[in-house]
């Protein structure tokens, strides 16, 4: 990472901004008057607009970073849809390097006496806390949200982890009326693209020239309308495998005359890297801390199937999920 930052010291702004279709802070009487979502009357809420724009930037003194702009607008139809008035943003961290939220703004809109009343998100409704060793979170709740409300918010995520692009998630558990998603990739960065979901997506890819760098960039734009809610299906363990979205995995970085590095490796390399990590492979090497518990639990158990069930139930009673998604242990597997 230091090599790349050093190589880019002479450069300025890298990621051009993209214009979006729906303007933030603009009232819409038709949306407020709508009592049901047109194509799904059972929907408790719906995303009227989901916007994301991710691009690279370089700033003198702070270095190279990845900036992601988010703008979302939600209509609440039923009491059960009020959960969408609260948003939680998870932020990765690694030592002194951490992602942060910037320029957070939000509004709620309601009809009162035939007039639109707009309320602004206040600082006292924004909370920041440590979620785990490797992540923080920012949580906020839009004011006076109720049945019939329209809420919207926007913010930026500033990340020093510029090789790691979060998945573009287009489909939600509620309907999505309109999606606009943009990714500006500098030609130095090569990515694999992996789609999830059954709906075919063809982005618009426009080659551009960055004047400050004299280098090519590719602006990748997805515009998708009328995405249905992802409904839970019986006997499907992980519905996210079917959620419409796009992943971008970095393959290599090549800065002419300065550096070339390949990141996409074989699965054997991935396994080796994970098992070398103290928070994964190191924890699996620890085998004796439940030995006494295991011996007591298996005392008098003879049948192999009964032994298997006993060990399984012992593990269930000892290992607890901290509700943080990830492959590494936060505080170790011994509780």
C-alpha atoms as a PDB file:
ATOM      1  CA  UNK A   1       0.000   0.000   0.000  1.00  0.00           C
ATOM      2  CA  UNK A   2       2.841   2.436   0.903  1.00  0.00           C
ATOM      3  CA  UNK A   3       4.459   1.847  -2.507  1.00  0.00           C
ATOM      4  CA  UNK A   4       1.295   2.877  -4.323  1.00  0.00           C
ATOM      5  CA  UNK A   5       0.746   5.969  -2.185  1.00  0.00           C
ATOM      6  CA  UNK A   6       4.348   7.027  -2.780  1.00  0.00           C
ATOM      7  CA  UNK A   7       3.949   6.467  -6.505  1.00  0.00           C
ATOM      8  CA  UNK A   8       0.908   8.734  -6.590  1.00  0.00           C
ATOM      9  CA  UNK A   9       2.314  11.686  -4.674  1.00  0.00           C
ATOM     10  CA  UNK A  10       2.450  13.796  -7.818  1.00  0.00           C
ATOM     11  CA  UNK A  11      -1.183  13.259  -8.707  1.00  0.00           C
ATOM     12  CA  UNK A  12      -4.379  15.044  -7.770  1.00  0.00           C
ATOM     13  CA  UNK A  13      -8.068  14.139  -7.934  1.00  0.00           C
ATOM     14  CA  UNK A  14      -8.670  10.763  -9.585  1.00  0.00           C
ATOM     15  CA  UNK A  15     -12.377  10.006  -9.415  1.00  0.00           C
ATOM     16  CA  UNK A  16     -14.801  12.253 -11.292  1.00  0.00           C
ATOM     17  CA  UNK A  17     -18.246  12.633  -9.784  1.00  0.00           C
ATOM     18  CA  UNK A  18     -21.415  11.371 -11.451  1.00  0.00           C
ATOM     19  CA  UNK A  19     -24.708  13.191 -11.807  1.00  0.00           C
ATOM     20  CA  UNK A  20     -27.687  11.403 -10.285  1.00  0.00           C
ATOM     21  CA  UNK A  21     -31.309  11.351 -11.395  1.00  0.00           C
ATOM     22  CA  UNK A  22     -33.068  12.122  -8.087  1.00  0.00           C
ATOM     23  CA  UNK A  23     -32.096  15.326  -6.276  1.00  0.00           C
ATOM     24  CA  UNK A  24     -31.570  15.127  -2.540  1.00  0.00           C
ATOM     25  CA  UNK A  25     -33.870  17.225  -0.351  1.00  0.00           C
ATOM     26  CA  UNK A  26     -36.606  17.635  -2.954  1.00  0.00           C
ATOM     27  CA  UNK A  27     -40.186  17.039  -1.766  1.00  0.00           C
ATOM     28  CA  UNK A  28     -42.534  14.807  -3.753  1.00  0.00           C
ATOM     29  CA  UNK A  29     -46.257  15.076  -2.993  1.00  0.00           C
ATOM     30  CA  UNK A  30     -47.152  12.048  -5.129  1.00  0.00           C
ATOM     31  CA  UNK A  31     -44.847   9.804  -3.098  1.00  0.00           C
ATOM     32  CA  UNK A  32     -46.377  10.995   0.166  1.00  0.00           C
ATOM     33  CA  UNK A  33     -49.937  10.436  -1.052  1.00  0.00           C
ATOM     34  CA  UNK A  34     -49.210   6.890  -2.190  1.00  0.00           C
ATOM     35  CA  UNK A  35     -50.764   4.342   0.199  1.00  0.00           C
ATOM     36  CA  UNK A  36     -49.535   1.092  -1.392  1.00  0.00           C
ATOM     37  CA  UNK A  37     -46.580   0.154  -3.544  1.00  0.00           C
ATOM     38  CA  UNK A  38     -48.024  -0.228  -7.074  1.00  0.00           C
ATOM     39  CA  UNK A  39     -46.579  -3.651  -7.917  1.00  0.00           C
ATOM     40  CA  UNK A  40     -46.535  -5.166  -4.419  1.00  0.00           C
ATOM     41  CA  UNK A  41     -49.399  -4.169  -2.141  1.00  0.00           C
ATOM     42  CA  UNK A  42     -47.978  -6.329   0.660  1.00  0.00           C
ATOM     43  CA  UNK A  43     -44.780  -4.270   0.896  1.00  0.00           C
ATOM     44  CA  UNK A  44     -44.254  -2.642   4.286  1.00  0.00           C
ATOM     45  CA  UNK A  45     -41.820  -0.174   2.700  1.00  0.00           C
ATOM     46  CA  UNK A  46     -39.990   0.382  -0.563  1.00  0.00           C
ATOM     47  CA  UNK A  47     -36.788   1.975  -1.776  1.00  0.00           C
ATOM     48  CA  UNK A  48     -37.889   4.717  -4.138  1.00  0.00           C
ATOM     49  CA  UNK A  49     -34.290   5.402  -5.086  1.00  0.00           C
ATOM     50  CA  UNK A  50     -30.905   3.793  -4.385  1.00  0.00           C
ATOM     51  CA  UNK A  51     -27.819   5.652  -5.553  1.00  0.00           C
ATOM     52  CA  UNK A  52     -24.168   4.750  -5.139  1.00  0.00           C
ATOM     53  CA  UNK A  53     -21.061   6.240  -6.698  1.00  0.00           C
ATOM     54  CA  UNK A  54     -17.610   4.814  -5.904  1.00  0.00           C
ATOM     55  CA  UNK A  55     -14.421   6.438  -7.125  1.00  0.00           C
ATOM     56  CA  UNK A  56     -10.720   6.858  -6.332  1.00  0.00           C
ATOM     57  CA  UNK A  57      -9.213  10.046  -4.940  1.00  0.00           C
ATOM     58  CA  UNK A  58      -5.817  11.246  -3.863  1.00  0.00           C
ATOM     59  CA  UNK A  59      -5.289  14.009  -1.300  1.00  0.00           C
ATOM     60  CA  UNK A  60      -1.989  15.549  -0.319  1.00  0.00           C
ATOM     61  CA  UNK A  61      -1.174  14.636   3.259  1.00  0.00           C
ATOM     62  CA  UNK A  62      -3.669  11.775   3.544  1.00  0.00           C
ATOM     63  CA  UNK A  63      -2.892   9.775   0.424  1.00  0.00           C
ATOM     64  CA  UNK A  64      -4.910   7.527  -1.844  1.00  0.00           C
ATOM     65  CA  UNK A  65      -8.462   6.633  -0.808  1.00  0.00           C
ATOM     66  CA  UNK A  66     -11.726   5.133  -2.019  1.00  0.00           C
ATOM     67  CA  UNK A  67     -14.803   7.339  -1.720  1.00  0.00           C
ATOM     68  CA  UNK A  68     -18.335   5.953  -1.897  1.00  0.00           C
ATOM     69  CA  UNK A  69     -21.348   8.274  -2.074  1.00  0.00           C
ATOM     70  CA  UNK A  70     -24.693   6.875  -0.905  1.00  0.00           C
ATOM     71  CA  UNK A  71     -28.157   8.387  -1.381  1.00  0.00           C
ATOM     72  CA  UNK A  72     -31.270   6.384  -0.498  1.00  0.00           C
ATOM     73  CA  UNK A  73     -34.945   7.359  -0.417  1.00  0.00           C
ATOM     74  CA  UNK A  74     -37.546   5.125   1.279  1.00  0.00           C
ATOM     75  CA  UNK A  75     -41.338   5.165   1.499  1.00  0.00           C
ATOM     76  CA  UNK A  76     -42.884   3.615   4.626  1.00  0.00           C
ATOM     77  CA  UNK A  77     -46.310   2.064   4.015  1.00  0.00           C
ATOM     78  CA  UNK A  78     -46.894   0.049   7.195  1.00  0.00           C
ATOM     79  CA  UNK A  79     -45.870   0.019  10.844  1.00  0.00           C
ATOM     80  CA  UNK A  80     -43.618  -2.974  10.183  1.00  0.00           C
ATOM     81  CA  UNK A  81     -41.654  -0.868   7.701  1.00  0.00           C
ATOM     82  CA  UNK A  82     -40.430   1.554  10.359  1.00  0.00           C
ATOM     83  CA  UNK A  83     -37.229  -0.478  10.750  1.00  0.00           C
ATOM     84  CA  UNK A  84     -36.040   1.220   7.558  1.00  0.00           C
ATOM     85  CA  UNK A  85     -36.083   4.597   9.315  1.00  0.00           C
ATOM     86  CA  UNK A  86     -32.937   3.450  11.140  1.00  0.00           C
ATOM     87  CA  UNK A  87     -29.749   2.876   9.171  1.00  0.00           C
ATOM     88  CA  UNK A  88     -26.553   1.178  10.357  1.00  0.00           C
ATOM     89  CA  UNK A  89     -23.313   1.703   8.439  1.00  0.00           C
ATOM     90  CA  UNK A  90     -20.465  -0.708   9.205  1.00  0.00           C
ATOM     91  CA  UNK A  91     -16.940   0.630   8.806  1.00  0.00           C
ATOM     92  CA  UNK A  92     -13.813  -1.520   8.497  1.00  0.00           C
ATOM     93  CA  UNK A  93     -10.646  -0.812  10.443  1.00  0.00           C
ATOM     94  CA  UNK A  94      -7.161  -2.286  10.649  1.00  0.00           C
ATOM     95  CA  UNK A  95      -4.905  -0.787  13.296  1.00  0.00           C
ATOM     96  CA  UNK A  96      -4.744   2.963  12.754  1.00  0.00           C
ATOM     97  CA  UNK A  97      -6.385   2.673   9.315  1.00  0.00           C
ATOM     98  CA  UNK A  98     -10.152   3.064   9.499  1.00  0.00           C
ATOM     99  CA  UNK A  99     -13.073   3.989   7.308  1.00  0.00           C
ATOM    100  CA  UNK A 100     -15.203   6.974   8.266  1.00  0.00           C
ATOM    101  CA  UNK A 101     -18.558   8.518   7.406  1.00  0.00           C
ATOM    102  CA  UNK A 102     -18.624  12.106   6.123  1.00  0.00           C
ATOM    103  CA  UNK A 103     -21.278  14.639   5.069  1.00  0.00           C
ATOM    104  CA  UNK A 104     -24.164  12.699   6.605  1.00  0.00           C
ATOM    105  CA  UNK A 105     -27.526  14.409   6.026  1.00  0.00           C
ATOM    106  CA  UNK A 106     -31.116  13.219   6.205  1.00  0.00           C
ATOM    107  CA  UNK A 107     -34.750  14.304   6.065  1.00  0.00           C
ATOM    108  CA  UNK A 108     -38.165  12.869   6.808  1.00  0.00           C
ATOM    109  CA  UNK A 109     -41.245  14.078   4.946  1.00  0.00           C
ATOM    110  CA  UNK A 110     -44.834  13.839   6.184  1.00  0.00           C
ATOM    111  CA  UNK A 111     -48.236  15.130   5.097  1.00  0.00           C
ATOM    112  CA  UNK A 112     -49.892  17.249   7.764  1.00  0.00           C
ATOM    113  CA  UNK A 113     -53.079  19.157   6.981  1.00  0.00           C
ATOM    114  CA  UNK A 114     -52.472  18.671   3.278  1.00  0.00           C
ATOM    115  CA  UNK A 115     -49.016  20.254   3.487  1.00  0.00           C
ATOM    116  CA  UNK A 116     -45.591  18.652   3.311  1.00  0.00           C
ATOM    117  CA  UNK A 117     -43.634  18.926   6.565  1.00  0.00           C
ATOM    118  CA  UNK A 118     -39.901  18.289   6.340  1.00  0.00           C
ATOM    119  CA  UNK A 119     -37.718  17.468   9.360  1.00  0.00           C
ATOM    120  CA  UNK A 120     -33.951  17.362   9.391  1.00  0.00           C
ATOM    121  CA  UNK A 121     -31.780  14.609  10.847  1.00  0.00           C
ATOM    122  CA  UNK A 122     -30.182  15.977  14.031  1.00  0.00           C
ATOM    123  CA  UNK A 123     -26.779  15.229  15.523  1.00  0.00           C
ATOM    124  CA  UNK A 124     -28.306  13.710  18.674  1.00  0.00           C
ATOM    125  CA  UNK A 125     -29.872  10.993  16.483  1.00  0.00           C
ATOM    126  CA  UNK A 126     -26.471   9.883  15.156  1.00  0.00           C
ATOM    127  CA  UNK A 127     -24.490   7.332  17.170  1.00  0.00           C
ATOM    128  CA  UNK A 128     -20.983   5.989  16.687  1.00  0.00           C
ATOM    129  CA  UNK A 129     -19.560   2.926  18.418  1.00  0.00           C
ATOM    130  CA  UNK A 130     -17.051   0.121  18.128  1.00  0.00           C
ATOM    131  CA  UNK A 131     -18.712  -3.011  16.733  1.00  0.00           C
ATOM    132  CA  UNK A 132     -15.697  -5.323  16.968  1.00  0.00           C
ATOM    133  CA  UNK A 133     -11.928  -5.362  16.850  1.00  0.00           C
ATOM    134  CA  UNK A 134     -12.047  -4.860  13.093  1.00  0.00           C
ATOM    135  CA  UNK A 135     -15.101  -2.665  12.626  1.00  0.00           C
ATOM    136  CA  UNK A 136     -16.944   0.417  13.853  1.00  0.00           C
ATOM    137  CA  UNK A 137     -20.491   1.429  13.110  1.00  0.00           C
ATOM    138  CA  UNK A 138     -22.503   4.582  12.622  1.00  0.00           C
ATOM    139  CA  UNK A 139     -26.244   4.332  13.328  1.00  0.00           C
ATOM    140  CA  UNK A 140     -28.862   7.026  12.776  1.00  0.00           C
ATOM    141  CA  UNK A 141     -32.660   7.292  12.909  1.00  0.00           C
ATOM    142  CA  UNK A 142     -34.691   9.709  10.799  1.00  0.00           C
ATOM    143  CA  UNK A 143     -37.004  11.947  12.890  1.00  0.00           C
ATOM    144  CA  UNK A 144     -40.784  11.551  13.168  1.00  0.00           C
ATOM    145  CA  UNK A 145     -40.935   8.541  10.857  1.00  0.00           C
ATOM    146  CA  UNK A 146     -44.350   6.881  10.707  1.00  0.00           C
ATOM    147  CA  UNK A 147     -46.733   5.165   8.317  1.00  0.00           C
ATOM    148  CA  UNK A 148     -46.904   7.266   5.152  1.00  0.00           C
ATOM    149  CA  UNK A 149     -43.533   8.958   5.684  1.00  0.00           C
ATOM    150  CA  UNK A 150     -40.874   9.325   3.053  1.00  0.00           C
ATOM    151  CA  UNK A 151     -37.334   9.372   4.408  1.00  0.00           C
ATOM    152  CA  UNK A 152     -34.037   9.979   2.696  1.00  0.00           C
ATOM    153  CA  UNK A 153     -30.406  10.264   3.661  1.00  0.00           C
ATOM    154  CA  UNK A 154     -27.039  10.630   2.044  1.00  0.00           C
ATOM    155  CA  UNK A 155     -23.444  10.254   3.198  1.00  0.00           C
ATOM    156  CA  UNK A 156     -19.944   9.400   2.049  1.00  0.00           C
ATOM    157  CA  UNK A 157     -17.739   6.537   3.181  1.00  0.00           C
ATOM    158  CA  UNK A 158     -14.070   7.520   3.060  1.00  0.00           C
ATOM    159  CA  UNK A 159     -11.888   4.408   3.007  1.00  0.00           C
ATOM    160  CA  UNK A 160      -8.095   3.946   3.050  1.00  0.00           C
ATOM    161  CA  UNK A 161      -8.673   0.362   1.839  1.00  0.00           C
ATOM    162  CA  UNK A 162      -8.822   1.359  -1.799  1.00  0.00           C
ATOM    163  CA  UNK A 163      -8.326  -2.201  -3.101  1.00  0.00           C
ATOM    164  CA  UNK A 164     -11.514  -3.367  -1.388  1.00  0.00           C
ATOM    165  CA  UNK A 165     -14.756  -2.347  -3.110  1.00  0.00           C
ATOM    166  CA  UNK A 166     -17.914  -3.293  -1.218  1.00  0.00           C
ATOM    167  CA  UNK A 167     -20.416  -5.337  -3.175  1.00  0.00           C
ATOM    168  CA  UNK A 168     -23.019  -3.374  -5.102  1.00  0.00           C
ATOM    169  CA  UNK A 169     -26.341  -4.614  -3.656  1.00  0.00           C
ATOM    170  CA  UNK A 170     -29.304  -3.853  -5.907  1.00  0.00           C
ATOM    171  CA  UNK A 171     -32.031  -6.061  -4.438  1.00  0.00           C
ATOM    172  CA  UNK A 172     -33.468  -5.685  -0.940  1.00  0.00           C
ATOM    173  CA  UNK A 173     -36.052  -7.436   1.232  1.00  0.00           C
ATOM    174  CA  UNK A 174     -38.503  -4.754   0.082  1.00  0.00           C
ATOM    175  CA  UNK A 175     -39.143  -3.541  -3.496  1.00  0.00           C
ATOM    176  CA  UNK A 176     -36.709  -1.134  -5.155  1.00  0.00           C
ATOM    177  CA  UNK A 177     -38.196   1.303  -7.672  1.00  0.00           C
ATOM    178  CA  UNK A 178     -34.994   2.724  -9.148  1.00  0.00           C
ATOM    179  CA  UNK A 179     -31.273   1.982  -8.830  1.00  0.00           C
ATOM    180  CA  UNK A 180     -28.425   4.088 -10.139  1.00  0.00           C
ATOM    181  CA  UNK A 181     -24.948   2.757  -9.382  1.00  0.00           C
ATOM    182  CA  UNK A 182     -21.643   4.084 -10.698  1.00  0.00           C
ATOM    183  CA  UNK A 183     -18.074   2.830 -10.392  1.00  0.00           C
ATOM    184  CA  UNK A 184     -15.127   4.783 -11.773  1.00  0.00           C
ATOM    185  CA  UNK A 185     -12.122   2.476 -12.249  1.00  0.00           C
ATOM    186  CA  UNK A 186      -8.716   3.825 -13.109  1.00  0.00           C
ATOM    187  CA  UNK A 187      -7.151   1.852 -15.942  1.00  0.00           C
ATOM    188  CA  UNK A 188      -4.282   0.869 -13.637  1.00  0.00           C
ATOM    189  CA  UNK A 189      -6.660  -1.338 -11.641  1.00  0.00           C
ATOM    190  CA  UNK A 190      -7.896  -4.635 -13.052  1.00  0.00           C
ATOM    191  CA  UNK A 191     -10.971  -6.257 -11.487  1.00  0.00           C
ATOM    192  CA  UNK A 192     -12.987  -9.423 -11.869  1.00  0.00           C
ATOM    193  CA  UNK A 193     -16.742  -8.824 -11.906  1.00  0.00           C
ATOM    194  CA  UNK A 194     -19.041 -11.441 -10.355  1.00  0.00           C
ATOM    195  CA  UNK A 195     -22.819 -11.097 -10.586  1.00  0.00           C
ATOM    196  CA  UNK A 196     -25.333 -12.540  -8.136  1.00  0.00           C
ATOM    197  CA  UNK A 197     -29.020 -13.014  -8.809  1.00  0.00           C
ATOM    198  CA  UNK A 198     -30.949 -14.269 -11.840  1.00  0.00           C
ATOM    199  CA  UNK A 199     -31.673 -10.963 -13.577  1.00  0.00           C
ATOM    200  CA  UNK A 200     -29.236 -10.171 -16.383  1.00  0.00           C
ATOM    201  CA  UNK A 201     -27.521  -6.805 -15.962  1.00  0.00           C
ATOM    202  CA  UNK A 202     -25.680  -4.977 -18.696  1.00  0.00           C
ATOM    203  CA  UNK A 203     -23.913  -1.837 -17.461  1.00  0.00           C
ATOM    204  CA  UNK A 204     -23.000   1.127 -19.605  1.00  0.00           C
ATOM    205  CA  UNK A 205     -19.203   1.338 -19.796  1.00  0.00           C
ATOM    206  CA  UNK A 206     -17.803   4.642 -20.974  1.00  0.00           C
ATOM    207  CA  UNK A 207     -14.022   5.114 -21.438  1.00  0.00           C
ATOM    208  CA  UNK A 208     -12.863   8.521 -20.242  1.00  0.00           C
ATOM    209  CA  UNK A 209      -9.614  10.411 -19.888  1.00  0.00           C
ATOM    210  CA  UNK A 210      -8.528  11.845 -16.565  1.00  0.00           C
ATOM    211  CA  UNK A 211      -7.017  15.213 -17.395  1.00  0.00           C
ATOM    212  CA  UNK A 212      -4.930  15.479 -14.221  1.00  0.00           C
ATOM    213  CA  UNK A 213      -3.395  12.027 -14.722  1.00  0.00           C
ATOM    214  CA  UNK A 214      -3.331  11.697 -18.470  1.00  0.00           C
ATOM    215  CA  UNK A 215      -4.671   8.177 -17.929  1.00  0.00           C
ATOM    216  CA  UNK A 216      -7.751   6.271 -19.023  1.00  0.00           C
ATOM    217  CA  UNK A 217     -10.641   5.473 -16.711  1.00  0.00           C
ATOM    218  CA  UNK A 218     -13.770   3.392 -17.173  1.00  0.00           C
ATOM    219  CA  UNK A 219     -17.077   4.679 -15.856  1.00  0.00           C
ATOM    220  CA  UNK A 220     -19.326   1.666 -15.198  1.00  0.00           C
ATOM    221  CA  UNK A 221     -22.991   2.610 -14.699  1.00  0.00           C
ATOM    222  CA  UNK A 222     -25.940   0.407 -13.740  1.00  0.00           C
ATOM    223  CA  UNK A 223     -29.473   1.763 -14.086  1.00  0.00           C
ATOM    224  CA  UNK A 224     -32.151  -0.718 -13.054  1.00  0.00           C
ATOM    225  CA  UNK A 225     -35.872  -0.181 -12.463  1.00  0.00           C
ATOM    226  CA  UNK A 226     -38.577  -2.160 -10.659  1.00  0.00           C
ATOM    227  CA  UNK A 227     -36.595  -4.726  -8.690  1.00  0.00           C
ATOM    228  CA  UNK A 228     -38.967  -6.961  -6.687  1.00  0.00           C
ATOM    229  CA  UNK A 229     -38.429  -7.747  -3.013  1.00  0.00           C
ATOM    230  CA  UNK A 230     -36.292 -10.785  -2.283  1.00  0.00           C
ATOM    231  CA  UNK A 231     -38.772 -13.169  -0.686  1.00  0.00           C
ATOM    232  CA  UNK A 232     -37.556 -15.832   1.709  1.00  0.00           C
ATOM    233  CA  UNK A 233     -37.882 -19.349   0.320  1.00  0.00           C
ATOM    234  CA  UNK A 234     -38.222 -22.570   2.273  1.00  0.00           C
ATOM    235  CA  UNK A 235     -35.156 -24.830   2.393  1.00  0.00           C
ATOM    236  CA  UNK A 236     -32.820 -22.014   1.277  1.00  0.00           C
ATOM    237  CA  UNK A 237     -30.088 -21.552   3.873  1.00  0.00           C
ATOM    238  CA  UNK A 238     -28.700 -18.252   2.572  1.00  0.00           C
ATOM    239  CA  UNK A 239     -30.990 -15.998   0.547  1.00  0.00           C
ATOM    240  CA  UNK A 240     -28.120 -13.569  -0.085  1.00  0.00           C
ATOM    241  CA  UNK A 241     -26.772 -16.028  -2.655  1.00  0.00           C
ATOM    242  CA  UNK A 242     -29.788 -15.084  -4.800  1.00  0.00           C
ATOM    243  CA  UNK A 243     -29.790 -11.339  -4.086  1.00  0.00           C
ATOM    244  CA  UNK A 244     -29.198  -9.235  -7.197  1.00  0.00           C
ATOM    245  CA  UNK A 245     -25.809  -7.584  -6.945  1.00  0.00           C
ATOM    246  CA  UNK A 246     -22.318  -7.207  -8.370  1.00  0.00           C
ATOM    247  CA  UNK A 247     -18.946  -7.915  -6.762  1.00  0.00           C
ATOM    248  CA  UNK A 248     -15.635  -6.430  -7.878  1.00  0.00           C
ATOM    249  CA  UNK A 249     -12.480  -8.347  -6.924  1.00  0.00           C
ATOM    250  CA  UNK A 250      -9.103  -6.718  -7.543  1.00  0.00           C
ATOM    251  CA  UNK A 251      -6.864  -8.802  -9.815  1.00  0.00           C
ATOM    252  CA  UNK A 252      -3.823  -6.588 -10.260  1.00  0.00           C
ATOM    253  CA  UNK A 253      -2.465  -3.057 -10.065  1.00  0.00           C
ATOM    254  CA  UNK A 254      -0.080  -1.785 -12.718  1.00  0.00           C
ATOM    255  CA  UNK A 255       1.349   1.723 -12.559  1.00  0.00           C
ATOM    256  CA  UNK A 256       3.554   2.102 -15.659  1.00  0.00           C
ATOM    257  CA  UNK A 257       7.219   2.383 -14.763  1.00  0.00           C
ATOM    258  CA  UNK A 258       6.492   2.194 -11.028  1.00  0.00           C
ATOM    259  CA  UNK A 259       4.917  -1.045  -9.865  1.00  0.00           C
ATOM    260  CA  UNK A 260       3.071  -4.199 -10.844  1.00  0.00           C
ATOM    261  CA  UNK A 261       1.393  -6.457  -8.312  1.00  0.00           C
ATOM    262  CA  UNK A 262      -1.010  -9.375  -8.707  1.00  0.00           C
ATOM    263  CA  UNK A 263      -3.632  -9.923  -5.997  1.00  0.00           C
ATOM    264  CA  UNK A 264      -5.948 -12.603  -7.424  1.00  0.00           C
ATOM    265  CA  UNK A 265      -4.358 -15.939  -6.526  1.00  0.00           C
ATOM    266  CA  UNK A 266      -5.386 -19.580  -6.461  1.00  0.00           C
ATOM    267  CA  UNK A 267      -7.765 -21.018  -3.865  1.00  0.00           C
ATOM    268  CA  UNK A 268      -4.791 -22.859  -2.364  1.00  0.00           C
ATOM    269  CA  UNK A 269      -3.094 -19.505  -1.793  1.00  0.00           C
ATOM    270  CA  UNK A 270      -6.269 -18.120  -0.204  1.00  0.00           C
ATOM    271  CA  UNK A 271      -6.510 -21.125   2.150  1.00  0.00           C
ATOM    272  CA  UNK A 272      -2.841 -20.829   3.057  1.00  0.00           C
ATOM    273  CA  UNK A 273      -3.163 -17.112   3.849  1.00  0.00           C
ATOM    274  CA  UNK A 274      -6.216 -17.611   6.066  1.00  0.00           C
ATOM    275  CA  UNK A 275      -4.683 -20.495   7.985  1.00  0.00           C
ATOM    276  CA  UNK A 276      -1.541 -18.458   8.651  1.00  0.00           C
ATOM    277  CA  UNK A 277      -3.613 -15.739  10.327  1.00  0.00           C
ATOM    278  CA  UNK A 278      -3.512 -15.939  14.136  1.00  0.00           C
ATOM    279  CA  UNK A 279      -7.215 -15.052  14.340  1.00  0.00           C
ATOM    280  CA  UNK A 280      -8.169 -18.081  12.195  1.00  0.00           C
ATOM    281  CA  UNK A 281      -5.559 -20.829  11.809  1.00  0.00           C
ATOM    282  CA  UNK A 282      -3.954 -19.956  15.120  1.00  0.00           C
ATOM    283  CA  UNK A 283      -7.253 -20.445  16.931  1.00  0.00           C
ATOM    284  CA  UNK A 284      -7.874 -23.804  15.240  1.00  0.00           C
ATOM    285  CA  UNK A 285      -4.552 -25.085  16.580  1.00  0.00           C
ATOM    286  CA  UNK A 286      -5.802 -24.701  20.146  1.00  0.00           C
ATOM    287  CA  UNK A 287      -7.293 -28.065  21.119  1.00  0.00           C
ATOM    288  CA  UNK A 288      -7.124 -28.608  24.891  1.00  0.00           C
ATOM    289  CA  UNK A 289      -9.241 -25.881  26.460  1.00  0.00           C
ATOM    290  CA  UNK A 290     -12.479 -27.917  26.432  1.00  0.00           C
ATOM    291  CA  UNK A 291     -10.849 -31.280  27.087  1.00  0.00           C
ATOM    292  CA  UNK A 292     -12.238 -31.679  30.608  1.00  0.00           C
ATOM    293  CA  UNK A 293     -15.724 -30.586  29.514  1.00  0.00           C
ATOM    294  CA  UNK A 294     -15.602 -33.074  26.646  1.00  0.00           C
ATOM    295  CA  UNK A 295     -14.535 -35.958  28.873  1.00  0.00           C
ATOM    296  CA  UNK A 296     -17.336 -35.233  31.337  1.00  0.00           C
ATOM    297  CA  UNK A 297     -19.926 -34.965  28.554  1.00  0.00           C
ATOM    298  CA  UNK A 298     -18.875 -38.267  26.947  1.00  0.00           C
ATOM    299  CA  UNK A 299     -18.755 -40.170  30.209  1.00  0.00           C
ATOM    300  CA  UNK A 300     -20.964 -43.251  29.756  1.00  0.00           C
ATOM    301  CA  UNK A 301     -21.817 -42.493  26.114  1.00  0.00           C
ATOM    302  CA  UNK A 302     -21.073 -45.551  23.954  1.00  0.00           C
ATOM    303  CA  UNK A 303     -22.879 -45.350  20.630  1.00  0.00           C
ATOM    304  CA  UNK A 304     -20.947 -43.412  17.903  1.00  0.00           C
ATOM    305  CA  UNK A 305     -24.067 -41.491  16.841  1.00  0.00           C
ATOM    306  CA  UNK A 306     -24.735 -40.525  20.447  1.00  0.00           C
ATOM    307  CA  UNK A 307     -21.129 -39.383  20.847  1.00  0.00           C
ATOM    308  CA  UNK A 308     -21.448 -37.263  17.721  1.00  0.00           C
ATOM    309  CA  UNK A 309     -24.639 -35.631  19.021  1.00  0.00           C
ATOM    310  CA  UNK A 310     -23.016 -35.020  22.413  1.00  0.00           C
ATOM    311  CA  UNK A 311     -19.973 -33.302  20.902  1.00  0.00           C
ATOM    312  CA  UNK A 312     -22.224 -31.249  18.623  1.00  0.00           C
ATOM    313  CA  UNK A 313     -24.374 -30.041  21.522  1.00  0.00           C
ATOM    314  CA  UNK A 314     -21.269 -29.242  23.590  1.00  0.00           C
ATOM    315  CA  UNK A 315     -19.888 -27.051  20.795  1.00  0.00           C
ATOM    316  CA  UNK A 316     -23.262 -25.324  20.457  1.00  0.00           C
ATOM    317  CA  UNK A 317     -23.277 -24.511  24.161  1.00  0.00           C
ATOM    318  CA  UNK A 318     -19.713 -23.154  24.145  1.00  0.00           C
ATOM    319  CA  UNK A 319     -19.438 -21.202  20.892  1.00  0.00           C
ATOM    320  CA  UNK A 320     -21.502 -18.031  20.535  1.00  0.00           C
ATOM    321  CA  UNK A 321     -21.817 -15.715  17.546  1.00  0.00           C
ATOM    322  CA  UNK A 322     -21.045 -12.054  18.269  1.00  0.00           C
ATOM    323  CA  UNK A 323     -23.355 -11.011  15.394  1.00  0.00           C
ATOM    324  CA  UNK A 324     -20.419  -9.724  13.345  1.00  0.00           C
ATOM    325  CA  UNK A 325     -19.927 -11.210   9.885  1.00  0.00           C
ATOM    326  CA  UNK A 326     -16.339 -12.185   9.098  1.00  0.00           C
ATOM    327  CA  UNK A 327     -13.900 -15.055   8.895  1.00  0.00           C
ATOM    328  CA  UNK A 328     -11.609 -14.042  11.772  1.00  0.00           C
ATOM    329  CA  UNK A 329     -12.094 -14.325  15.534  1.00  0.00           C
ATOM    330  CA  UNK A 330     -12.465 -11.144  17.516  1.00  0.00           C
ATOM    331  CA  UNK A 331     -11.728 -12.410  21.045  1.00  0.00           C
ATOM    332  CA  UNK A 332     -10.797 -16.003  20.272  1.00  0.00           C
ATOM    333  CA  UNK A 333     -12.917 -19.147  20.194  1.00  0.00           C
ATOM    334  CA  UNK A 334     -12.508 -19.894  23.892  1.00  0.00           C
ATOM    335  CA  UNK A 335     -15.142 -18.094  25.989  1.00  0.00           C
END
